[in-house]
Amino acid sequence: MKSENNLKRDIVEVKDVKLQRYSPIHTAGPVIEPGNWKESDPFLLLMEDKFQKGSFDIHPHRGIETVTFVIDGTIEHYDSHTGDGGILGPGDVQWMTAGSGVVHNEVPSEGVTAHSLQLWVNLPRSEKMTTPRYQNLMAKDMPVRKEDGALIRVFSGSSKDVISTTKNHVPVTMVEMVLEPGASVTQNLPGSYNGIIYLIEGSGIFGNNEVRASRGQVLWLGVCKESGESEVDITATEPLRLVLYAGEPLMEPVVARGPFVMNTEEEIDQAYLEYRQGTFLKH
């Protein structure tokens, strides 16, 4: 579909993200708050964290994917079951599919304060118990779209004709944008996608309704009433860095408790029972 025929997205809400101190080594705040399942579908939550080693202990997940974007610092991650691991640096992403179950941890390197965004993507009922998978998406290896004064790194989905090879159980577009002052870009999205923009640095003008926003704010994209392609307009008013997340809603029941997200209370109870009994990873 030609650009001029695409539906232009408005920005329907702008919110400040407020970080609070949970301990001397951990400060965090919700970019997407949990519980508003219908509005954020397929996303469950998005947290911004500034943390040091010791903030988190080894923990399990089932029924979701976690997408960890490192803004600053380095994070060492490992799976205590398989022994898989690695190091993520600034601009890198880990796309972890928990599926039937993982037990893992993410730890900043010694003496480092890591700054990250972690998104939880819901898995559809048919994929809740899929085989776990780790995809380490290094910034240097990601496909890049370049426009005048703009660089768009495509971690998942596409941006115009630049397409990521990241594997998805749920269709998700994730792009990082870095714009010089005065630069303008348009991001294409399927009209059915829900989505947000989070501003890491700078300020700009966003959407068809030309909303102004700045660092530390999250912008919610308006819902399209029609199918087909849509577009989001972005213009930088000062050096701008942002991440855009958008995905296809699942429209399924969500039951979340702790690190597990399933479709029924019985499935959640079963996950906790298996974890206590030591059979959690035997699927």
C-alpha atoms as a PDB file:
ATOM      1  CA  MET A   1       0.000   0.000   0.000  1.00  0.00           C
ATOM      2  CA  LYS A   2       1.363   3.429  -0.869  1.00  0.00           C
ATOM      3  CA  SER A   3       2.365   5.712   1.961  1.00  0.00           C
ATOM      4  CA  GLU A   4      -0.225   8.346   1.119  1.00  0.00           C
ATOM      5  CA  ASN A   5      -2.997   5.778   1.553  1.00  0.00           C
ATOM      6  CA  ASN A   6      -1.828   4.541   4.928  1.00  0.00           C
ATOM      7  CA  LEU A   7      -3.684   5.456   8.099  1.00  0.00           C
ATOM      8  CA  LYS A   8      -1.874   8.002  10.260  1.00  0.00           C
ATOM      9  CA  ARG A   9      -1.683   7.162  13.951  1.00  0.00           C
ATOM     10  CA  ASP A  10      -2.473   9.713  16.657  1.00  0.00           C
ATOM     11  CA  ILE A  11      -0.866   9.772  20.090  1.00  0.00           C
ATOM     12  CA  VAL A  12      -3.723   9.209  22.551  1.00  0.00           C
ATOM     13  CA  GLU A  13      -1.872   9.401  25.879  1.00  0.00           C
ATOM     14  CA  VAL A  14       1.431  10.704  27.243  1.00  0.00           C
ATOM     15  CA  LYS A  15       2.624   9.618  30.690  1.00  0.00           C
ATOM     16  CA  ASP A  16       5.697  10.359  32.783  1.00  0.00           C
ATOM     17  CA  VAL A  17       7.611   7.285  33.871  1.00  0.00           C
ATOM     18  CA  LYS A  18       8.512   7.648  37.539  1.00  0.00           C
ATOM     19  CA  LEU A  19      11.347   5.586  38.973  1.00  0.00           C
ATOM     20  CA  GLN A  20      11.404   4.782  42.683  1.00  0.00           C
ATOM     21  CA  ARG A  21      14.134   3.298  44.856  1.00  0.00           C
ATOM     22  CA  TYR A  22      13.449  -0.283  45.959  1.00  0.00           C
ATOM     23  CA  SER A  23      16.852  -0.767  47.580  1.00  0.00           C
ATOM     24  CA  PRO A  24      20.227   0.994  47.655  1.00  0.00           C
ATOM     25  CA  ILE A  25      21.142  -0.897  44.450  1.00  0.00           C
ATOM     26  CA  HIS A  26      17.824  -0.952  42.565  1.00  0.00           C
ATOM     27  CA  THR A  27      15.640   1.815  41.153  1.00  0.00           C
ATOM     28  CA  ALA A  28      12.727   0.998  38.843  1.00  0.00           C
ATOM     29  CA  GLY A  29       9.464   2.215  37.360  1.00  0.00           C
ATOM     30  CA  PRO A  30       6.736   0.863  35.068  1.00  0.00           C
ATOM     31  CA  VAL A  31       6.592   2.095  31.475  1.00  0.00           C
ATOM     32  CA  ILE A  32       3.654  -0.268  30.860  1.00  0.00           C
ATOM     33  CA  GLU A  33       1.882  -1.076  34.106  1.00  0.00           C
ATOM     34  CA  PRO A  34       0.604  -4.647  34.523  1.00  0.00           C
ATOM     35  CA  GLY A  35      -3.105  -5.385  34.784  1.00  0.00           C
ATOM     36  CA  ASN A  36      -4.427  -3.405  31.828  1.00  0.00           C
ATOM     37  CA  TRP A  37      -4.335  -6.513  29.693  1.00  0.00           C
ATOM     38  CA  LYS A  38      -6.811  -5.453  27.008  1.00  0.00           C
ATOM     39  CA  GLU A  39      -5.254  -2.034  26.450  1.00  0.00           C
ATOM     40  CA  SER A  40      -1.635  -3.258  26.266  1.00  0.00           C
ATOM     41  CA  ASP A  41      -2.225  -6.669  24.591  1.00  0.00           C
ATOM     42  CA  PRO A  42       0.044  -8.496  23.629  1.00  0.00           C
ATOM     43  CA  PHE A  43       2.329  -6.693  26.085  1.00  0.00           C
ATOM     44  CA  LEU A  44       2.041  -7.497  29.785  1.00  0.00           C
ATOM     45  CA  LEU A  45       4.427  -4.992  31.312  1.00  0.00           C
ATOM     46  CA  LEU A  46       7.503  -2.922  30.534  1.00  0.00           C
ATOM     47  CA  MET A  47       9.878  -1.963  33.347  1.00  0.00           C
ATOM     48  CA  GLU A  48      12.741   0.494  33.368  1.00  0.00           C
ATOM     49  CA  ASP A  49      15.444  -0.619  35.795  1.00  0.00           C
ATOM     50  CA  LYS A  50      18.687   0.837  37.111  1.00  0.00           C
ATOM     51  CA  PHE A  51      20.313  -1.911  39.136  1.00  0.00           C
ATOM     52  CA  GLN A  52      23.510  -3.479  40.403  1.00  0.00           C
ATOM     53  CA  LYS A  53      24.588  -7.040  41.064  1.00  0.00           C
ATOM     54  CA  GLY A  54      22.432  -8.572  43.817  1.00  0.00           C
ATOM     55  CA  SER A  55      19.190  -6.806  42.871  1.00  0.00           C
ATOM     56  CA  PHE A  56      17.641 -10.005  41.517  1.00  0.00           C
ATOM     57  CA  ASP A  57      18.069 -13.667  42.395  1.00  0.00           C
ATOM     58  CA  ILE A  58      17.643 -16.716  40.178  1.00  0.00           C
ATOM     59  CA  HIS A  59      13.969 -16.925  39.147  1.00  0.00           C
ATOM     60  CA  PRO A  60      11.624 -18.894  36.878  1.00  0.00           C
ATOM     61  CA  HIS A  61       9.282 -17.861  34.044  1.00  0.00           C
ATOM     62  CA  ARG A  62       6.556 -19.650  32.093  1.00  0.00           C
ATOM     63  CA  GLY A  63       4.098 -18.582  29.406  1.00  0.00           C
ATOM     64  CA  ILE A  64       5.832 -15.383  28.286  1.00  0.00           C
ATOM     65  CA  GLU A  65       8.748 -13.861  26.416  1.00  0.00           C
ATOM     66  CA  THR A  66      11.036 -11.298  28.046  1.00  0.00           C
ATOM     67  CA  VAL A  67      12.751  -8.713  25.862  1.00  0.00           C
ATOM     68  CA  THR A  68      15.642  -6.995  27.655  1.00  0.00           C
ATOM     69  CA  PHE A  69      17.116  -3.854  26.064  1.00  0.00           C
ATOM     70  CA  VAL A  70      20.322  -2.526  27.615  1.00  0.00           C
ATOM     71  CA  ILE A  71      20.399   1.268  27.637  1.00  0.00           C
ATOM     72  CA  ASP A  72      23.679   1.525  29.533  1.00  0.00           C
ATOM     73  CA  GLY A  73      26.093  -0.760  31.363  1.00  0.00           C
ATOM     74  CA  THR A  74      26.566  -4.493  30.879  1.00  0.00           C
ATOM     75  CA  ILE A  75      24.362  -7.391  31.926  1.00  0.00           C
ATOM     76  CA  GLU A  76      25.526 -10.991  32.313  1.00  0.00           C
ATOM     77  CA  HIS A  77      22.708 -13.468  31.782  1.00  0.00           C
ATOM     78  CA  TYR A  78      22.557 -17.208  32.255  1.00  0.00           C
ATOM     79  CA  ASP A  79      20.153 -20.125  32.299  1.00  0.00           C
ATOM     80  CA  SER A  80      20.763 -22.253  35.377  1.00  0.00           C
ATOM     81  CA  HIS A  81      19.340 -25.343  33.632  1.00  0.00           C
ATOM     82  CA  THR A  82      21.198 -25.347  30.307  1.00  0.00           C
ATOM     83  CA  GLY A  83      24.234 -23.327  31.305  1.00  0.00           C
ATOM     84  CA  ASP A  84      23.660 -20.948  28.375  1.00  0.00           C
ATOM     85  CA  GLY A  85      24.624 -17.349  28.925  1.00  0.00           C
ATOM     86  CA  GLY A  86      26.425 -14.308  27.654  1.00  0.00           C
ATOM     87  CA  ILE A  87      27.042 -10.609  28.090  1.00  0.00           C
ATOM     88  CA  LEU A  88      24.835  -7.803  26.798  1.00  0.00           C
ATOM     89  CA  GLY A  89      26.237  -4.301  26.351  1.00  0.00           C
ATOM     90  CA  PRO A  90      24.680  -0.910  25.556  1.00  0.00           C
ATOM     91  CA  GLY A  91      22.176  -1.192  22.716  1.00  0.00           C
ATOM     92  CA  ASP A  92      21.992  -4.997  22.834  1.00  0.00           C
ATOM     93  CA  VAL A  93      18.794  -7.007  23.323  1.00  0.00           C
ATOM     94  CA  GLN A  94      18.019 -10.466  24.651  1.00  0.00           C
ATOM     95  CA  TRP A  95      14.774 -11.992  23.376  1.00  0.00           C
ATOM     96  CA  MET A  96      14.031 -14.856  25.739  1.00  0.00           C
ATOM     97  CA  THR A  97      11.121 -17.218  25.137  1.00  0.00           C
ATOM     98  CA  ALA A  98      10.280 -18.820  28.482  1.00  0.00           C
ATOM     99  CA  GLY A  99       7.579 -21.063  27.019  1.00  0.00           C
ATOM    100  CA  SER A 100       7.231 -24.194  29.141  1.00  0.00           C
ATOM    101  CA  GLY A 101       9.741 -22.892  31.637  1.00  0.00           C
ATOM    102  CA  VAL A 102      13.168 -21.396  32.288  1.00  0.00           C
ATOM    103  CA  VAL A 103      15.105 -20.668  35.460  1.00  0.00           C
ATOM    104  CA  HIS A 104      17.553 -17.845  34.880  1.00  0.00           C
ATOM    105  CA  ASN A 105      19.010 -14.571  36.085  1.00  0.00           C
ATOM    106  CA  GLU A 106      20.279 -11.274  34.690  1.00  0.00           C
ATOM    107  CA  VAL A 107      23.131  -9.720  36.647  1.00  0.00           C
ATOM    108  CA  PRO A 108      25.023  -6.470  35.987  1.00  0.00           C
ATOM    109  CA  SER A 109      28.773  -6.925  35.756  1.00  0.00           C
ATOM    110  CA  GLU A 110      30.724  -6.387  38.970  1.00  0.00           C
ATOM    111  CA  GLY A 111      30.743  -2.724  40.001  1.00  0.00           C
ATOM    112  CA  VAL A 112      28.412  -1.701  37.153  1.00  0.00           C
ATOM    113  CA  THR A 113      25.011  -0.026  37.383  1.00  0.00           C
ATOM    114  CA  ALA A 114      23.007  -1.347  34.443  1.00  0.00           C
ATOM    115  CA  HIS A 115      20.151   0.653  32.913  1.00  0.00           C
ATOM    116  CA  SER A 116      17.631  -1.434  30.998  1.00  0.00           C
ATOM    117  CA  LEU A 117      14.120  -1.819  29.688  1.00  0.00           C
ATOM    118  CA  GLN A 118      12.451  -5.218  30.061  1.00  0.00           C
ATOM    119  CA  LEU A 119       9.274  -5.985  28.154  1.00  0.00           C
ATOM    120  CA  TRP A 120       7.063  -8.992  28.848  1.00  0.00           C
ATOM    121  CA  VAL A 121       5.301 -10.293  25.743  1.00  0.00           C
ATOM    122  CA  ASN A 122       2.381 -12.650  26.284  1.00  0.00           C
ATOM    123  CA  LEU A 123       2.442 -15.986  24.481  1.00  0.00           C
ATOM    124  CA  PRO A 124      -0.731 -17.313  22.842  1.00  0.00           C
ATOM    125  CA  ARG A 125      -2.475 -20.288  24.417  1.00  0.00           C
ATOM    126  CA  SER A 126      -1.084 -22.575  21.706  1.00  0.00           C
ATOM    127  CA  GLU A 127       2.514 -21.525  22.499  1.00  0.00           C
ATOM    128  CA  LYS A 128       2.440 -21.250  26.300  1.00  0.00           C
ATOM    129  CA  MET A 129       4.337 -24.530  26.665  1.00  0.00           C
ATOM    130  CA  THR A 130       6.607 -24.132  23.649  1.00  0.00           C
ATOM    131  CA  THR A 131      10.296 -25.026  23.898  1.00  0.00           C
ATOM    132  CA  PRO A 132      12.328 -22.246  25.552  1.00  0.00           C
ATOM    133  CA  ARG A 133      14.595 -20.191  23.297  1.00  0.00           C
ATOM    134  CA  TYR A 134      17.204 -17.441  23.692  1.00  0.00           C
ATOM    135  CA  GLN A 135      17.993 -14.938  20.942  1.00  0.00           C
ATOM    136  CA  ASN A 136      20.868 -12.574  21.699  1.00  0.00           C
ATOM    137  CA  LEU A 137      20.386  -9.583  19.399  1.00  0.00           C
ATOM    138  CA  MET A 138      23.598  -7.574  19.318  1.00  0.00           C
ATOM    139  CA  ALA A 139      23.228  -3.975  18.183  1.00  0.00           C
ATOM    140  CA  LYS A 140      26.158  -4.293  15.782  1.00  0.00           C
ATOM    141  CA  ASP A 141      24.455  -7.179  13.968  1.00  0.00           C
ATOM    142  CA  MET A 142      20.956  -5.708  13.606  1.00  0.00           C
ATOM    143  CA  PRO A 143      19.648  -4.454  10.266  1.00  0.00           C
ATOM    144  CA  VAL A 144      19.620  -0.658  10.071  1.00  0.00           C
ATOM    145  CA  ARG A 145      17.450   1.796   8.135  1.00  0.00           C
ATOM    146  CA  LYS A 146      19.085   5.157   7.494  1.00  0.00           C
ATOM    147  CA  GLU A 147      17.330   8.405   6.578  1.00  0.00           C
ATOM    148  CA  ASP A 148      18.578  11.996   6.592  1.00  0.00           C
ATOM    149  CA  GLY A 149      19.638  12.618  10.196  1.00  0.00           C
ATOM    150  CA  ALA A 150      18.123   9.360  11.410  1.00  0.00           C
ATOM    151  CA  LEU A 151      19.227   5.824  12.218  1.00  0.00           C
ATOM    152  CA  ILE A 152      16.632   3.117  12.877  1.00  0.00           C
ATOM    153  CA  ARG A 153      17.841  -0.209  14.256  1.00  0.00           C
ATOM    154  CA  VAL A 154      15.327  -3.004  13.639  1.00  0.00           C
ATOM    155  CA  PHE A 155      15.346  -5.599  16.432  1.00  0.00           C
ATOM    156  CA  SER A 156      12.065  -7.245  15.395  1.00  0.00           C
ATOM    157  CA  GLY A 157       9.562  -6.807  12.603  1.00  0.00           C
ATOM    158  CA  SER A 158      10.364  -4.186   9.984  1.00  0.00           C
ATOM    159  CA  SER A 159      10.863  -0.506   9.254  1.00  0.00           C
ATOM    160  CA  LYS A 160       9.920   0.317   5.656  1.00  0.00           C
ATOM    161  CA  ASP A 161      11.940  -2.152   3.546  1.00  0.00           C
ATOM    162  CA  VAL A 162      14.385  -3.130   6.326  1.00  0.00           C
ATOM    163  CA  ILE A 163      13.342  -6.450   7.846  1.00  0.00           C
ATOM    164  CA  SER A 164      14.609  -8.233  10.961  1.00  0.00           C
ATOM    165  CA  THR A 165      15.220 -11.989  11.036  1.00  0.00           C
ATOM    166  CA  THR A 166      14.287 -12.248  14.735  1.00  0.00           C
ATOM    167  CA  LYS A 167      11.923 -15.160  15.366  1.00  0.00           C
ATOM    168  CA  ASN A 168       8.555 -14.297  16.898  1.00  0.00           C
ATOM    169  CA  HIS A 169       5.728 -16.358  18.371  1.00  0.00           C
ATOM    170  CA  VAL A 170       3.659 -13.158  18.396  1.00  0.00           C
ATOM    171  CA  PRO A 171       4.159 -10.581  15.619  1.00  0.00           C
ATOM    172  CA  VAL A 172       6.073  -7.713  17.264  1.00  0.00           C
ATOM    173  CA  THR A 173       7.854  -4.680  15.854  1.00  0.00           C
ATOM    174  CA  MET A 174      10.684  -3.314  17.989  1.00  0.00           C
ATOM    175  CA  VAL A 175      12.859  -0.496  16.687  1.00  0.00           C
ATOM    176  CA  GLU A 176      15.370   1.860  18.271  1.00  0.00           C
ATOM    177  CA  MET A 177      15.565   5.303  16.674  1.00  0.00           C
ATOM    178  CA  VAL A 178      18.309   7.920  16.978  1.00  0.00           C
ATOM    179  CA  LEU A 179      17.440  11.254  15.343  1.00  0.00           C
ATOM    180  CA  GLU A 180      19.281  14.531  14.924  1.00  0.00           C
ATOM    181  CA  PRO A 181      17.374  17.763  15.641  1.00  0.00           C
ATOM    182  CA  GLY A 182      14.962  18.530  12.822  1.00  0.00           C
ATOM    183  CA  ALA A 183      15.032  15.001  11.384  1.00  0.00           C
ATOM    184  CA  SER A 184      11.699  13.339  10.572  1.00  0.00           C
ATOM    185  CA  VAL A 185      10.865   9.685   9.982  1.00  0.00           C
ATOM    186  CA  THR A 186       7.755   7.597   9.494  1.00  0.00           C
ATOM    187  CA  GLN A 187       7.404   4.120  10.999  1.00  0.00           C
ATOM    188  CA  ASN A 188       4.999   1.730   9.308  1.00  0.00           C
ATOM    189  CA  LEU A 189       2.882  -0.689  11.370  1.00  0.00           C
ATOM    190  CA  PRO A 190      -0.023  -3.019  10.674  1.00  0.00           C
ATOM    191  CA  GLY A 191      -3.210  -1.190  11.606  1.00  0.00           C
ATOM    192  CA  SER A 192      -4.169  -3.932  14.079  1.00  0.00           C
ATOM    193  CA  TYR A 193      -1.064  -3.476  16.269  1.00  0.00           C
ATOM    194  CA  ASN A 194      -1.124  -1.923  19.734  1.00  0.00           C
ATOM    195  CA  GLY A 195       1.977   0.111  20.457  1.00  0.00           C
ATOM    196  CA  ILE A 196       3.977   2.596  22.494  1.00  0.00           C
ATOM    197  CA  ILE A 197       6.984   4.873  22.111  1.00  0.00           C
ATOM    198  CA  TYR A 198       9.368   5.396  25.036  1.00  0.00           C
ATOM    199  CA  LEU A 199      11.708   8.392  24.969  1.00  0.00           C
ATOM    200  CA  ILE A 200      15.170   7.610  26.339  1.00  0.00           C
ATOM    201  CA  GLU A 201      16.775  10.946  25.423  1.00  0.00           C
ATOM    202  CA  GLY A 202      15.714  14.264  23.914  1.00  0.00           C
ATOM    203  CA  SER A 203      12.350  15.500  22.714  1.00  0.00           C
ATOM    204  CA  GLY A 204      10.182  15.597  19.626  1.00  0.00           C
ATOM    205  CA  ILE A 205       6.809  15.857  17.942  1.00  0.00           C
ATOM    206  CA  PHE A 206       4.836  12.650  17.480  1.00  0.00           C
ATOM    207  CA  GLY A 207       1.797  11.321  15.651  1.00  0.00           C
ATOM    208  CA  ASN A 208      -0.709  12.787  13.263  1.00  0.00           C
ATOM    209  CA  ASN A 209      -1.958  15.062  16.062  1.00  0.00           C
ATOM    210  CA  GLU A 210       1.587  16.436  16.598  1.00  0.00           C
ATOM    211  CA  VAL A 211       1.978  15.753  20.313  1.00  0.00           C
ATOM    212  CA  ARG A 212       5.116  17.094  21.981  1.00  0.00           C
ATOM    213  CA  ALA A 213       6.955  14.838  24.422  1.00  0.00           C
ATOM    214  CA  SER A 214      10.374  14.499  26.003  1.00  0.00           C
ATOM    215  CA  ARG A 215      12.766  12.212  27.849  1.00  0.00           C
ATOM    216  CA  GLY A 216      11.204   9.830  30.365  1.00  0.00           C
ATOM    217  CA  GLN A 217       7.746   9.868  28.811  1.00  0.00           C
ATOM    218  CA  VAL A 218       5.787   7.022  27.240  1.00  0.00           C
ATOM    219  CA  LEU A 219       3.429   7.686  24.329  1.00  0.00           C
ATOM    220  CA  TRP A 220       0.507   5.378  23.547  1.00  0.00           C
ATOM    221  CA  LEU A 221      -0.446   4.990  19.899  1.00  0.00           C
ATOM    222  CA  GLY A 222      -4.073   5.379  18.918  1.00  0.00           C
ATOM    223  CA  VAL A 223      -5.961   2.277  17.803  1.00  0.00           C
ATOM    224  CA  CYS A 224      -6.817   1.987  14.122  1.00  0.00           C
ATOM    225  CA  LYS A 225     -10.461   1.269  13.345  1.00  0.00           C
ATOM    226  CA  GLU A 226      -9.564  -0.079   9.912  1.00  0.00           C
ATOM    227  CA  SER A 227      -7.335  -2.916   8.752  1.00  0.00           C
ATOM    228  CA  GLY A 228      -4.327  -2.468   6.510  1.00  0.00           C
ATOM    229  CA  GLU A 229      -1.144  -0.496   7.081  1.00  0.00           C
ATOM    230  CA  SER A 230      -0.692   2.497   9.374  1.00  0.00           C
ATOM    231  CA  GLU A 231       2.085   5.000   9.985  1.00  0.00           C
ATOM    232  CA  VAL A 232       3.540   6.897  12.933  1.00  0.00           C
ATOM    233  CA  ASP A 233       5.206  10.258  12.233  1.00  0.00           C
ATOM    234  CA  ILE A 234       8.195  11.270  14.385  1.00  0.00           C
ATOM    235  CA  THR A 235      10.193  14.532  14.316  1.00  0.00           C
ATOM    236  CA  ALA A 236      13.102  15.364  16.622  1.00  0.00           C
ATOM    237  CA  THR A 237      13.242  18.824  18.191  1.00  0.00           C
ATOM    238  CA  GLU A 238      16.566  18.016  19.901  1.00  0.00           C
ATOM    239  CA  PRO A 239      18.845  14.946  19.766  1.00  0.00           C
ATOM    240  CA  LEU A 240      16.367  12.109  20.203  1.00  0.00           C
ATOM    241  CA  ARG A 241      16.672   8.450  21.168  1.00  0.00           C
ATOM    242  CA  LEU A 242      13.602   6.258  21.541  1.00  0.00           C
ATOM    243  CA  VAL A 243      12.333   2.708  21.411  1.00  0.00           C
ATOM    244  CA  LEU A 244       9.056   1.798  19.711  1.00  0.00           C
ATOM    245  CA  TYR A 245       7.262  -1.443  20.590  1.00  0.00           C
ATOM    246  CA  ALA A 246       4.125  -2.602  18.760  1.00  0.00           C
ATOM    247  CA  GLY A 247       2.438  -5.987  18.461  1.00  0.00           C
ATOM    248  CA  GLU A 248      -0.574  -7.997  17.373  1.00  0.00           C
ATOM    249  CA  PRO A 249      -3.154  -8.377  20.184  1.00  0.00           C
ATOM    250  CA  LEU A 250      -3.913 -11.967  21.215  1.00  0.00           C
ATOM    251  CA  MET A 251      -7.364 -11.286  22.698  1.00  0.00           C
ATOM    252  CA  GLU A 252      -7.087 -14.239  25.085  1.00  0.00           C
ATOM    253  CA  PRO A 253      -7.678 -14.564  28.854  1.00  0.00           C
ATOM    254  CA  VAL A 254      -4.694 -13.485  30.981  1.00  0.00           C
ATOM    255  CA  VAL A 255      -3.991 -14.894  34.435  1.00  0.00           C
ATOM    256  CA  ALA A 256      -0.729 -13.595  35.892  1.00  0.00           C
ATOM    257  CA  ARG A 257       0.859 -14.426  39.211  1.00  0.00           C
ATOM    258  CA  GLY A 258       4.487 -13.620  39.937  1.00  0.00           C
ATOM    259  CA  PRO A 259       6.733 -14.815  37.107  1.00  0.00           C
ATOM    260  CA  PHE A 260       4.074 -16.988  35.436  1.00  0.00           C
ATOM    261  CA  VAL A 261       1.428 -15.874  32.923  1.00  0.00           C
ATOM    262  CA  MET A 262      -1.121 -18.416  31.700  1.00  0.00           C
ATOM    263  CA  ASN A 263      -4.780 -18.535  30.629  1.00  0.00           C
ATOM    264  CA  THR A 264      -6.343 -20.073  33.764  1.00  0.00           C
ATOM    265  CA  GLU A 265      -5.782 -20.130  37.540  1.00  0.00           C
ATOM    266  CA  GLU A 266      -5.363 -23.915  37.343  1.00  0.00           C
ATOM    267  CA  GLU A 267      -2.426 -23.514  34.954  1.00  0.00           C
ATOM    268  CA  ILE A 268      -0.791 -21.030  37.322  1.00  0.00           C
ATOM    269  CA  ASP A 269      -1.289 -23.410  40.275  1.00  0.00           C
ATOM    270  CA  GLN A 270       0.269 -26.199  38.214  1.00  0.00           C
ATOM    271  CA  ALA A 271       3.336 -24.057  37.417  1.00  0.00           C
ATOM    272  CA  TYR A 272       3.917 -23.284  41.107  1.00  0.00           C
ATOM    273  CA  LEU A 273       3.392 -26.939  42.072  1.00  0.00           C
ATOM    274  CA  GLU A 274       5.929 -28.121  39.489  1.00  0.00           C
ATOM    275  CA  TYR A 275       8.436 -25.484  40.591  1.00  0.00           C
ATOM    276  CA  ARG A 276       8.137 -26.577  44.234  1.00  0.00           C
ATOM    277  CA  GLN A 277       8.376 -30.260  43.339  1.00  0.00           C
ATOM    278  CA  GLY A 278      11.410 -29.830  41.060  1.00  0.00           C
ATOM    279  CA  THR A 279       9.607 -30.974  37.895  1.00  0.00           C
ATOM    280  CA  PHE A 280       9.207 -27.484  36.415  1.00  0.00           C
ATOM    281  CA  LEU A 281      11.778 -27.937  33.636  1.00  0.00           C
ATOM    282  CA  LYS A 282      10.823 -31.507  32.675  1.00  0.00           C
ATOM    283  CA  HIS A 283       8.676 -30.694  29.631  1.00  0.00           C
END
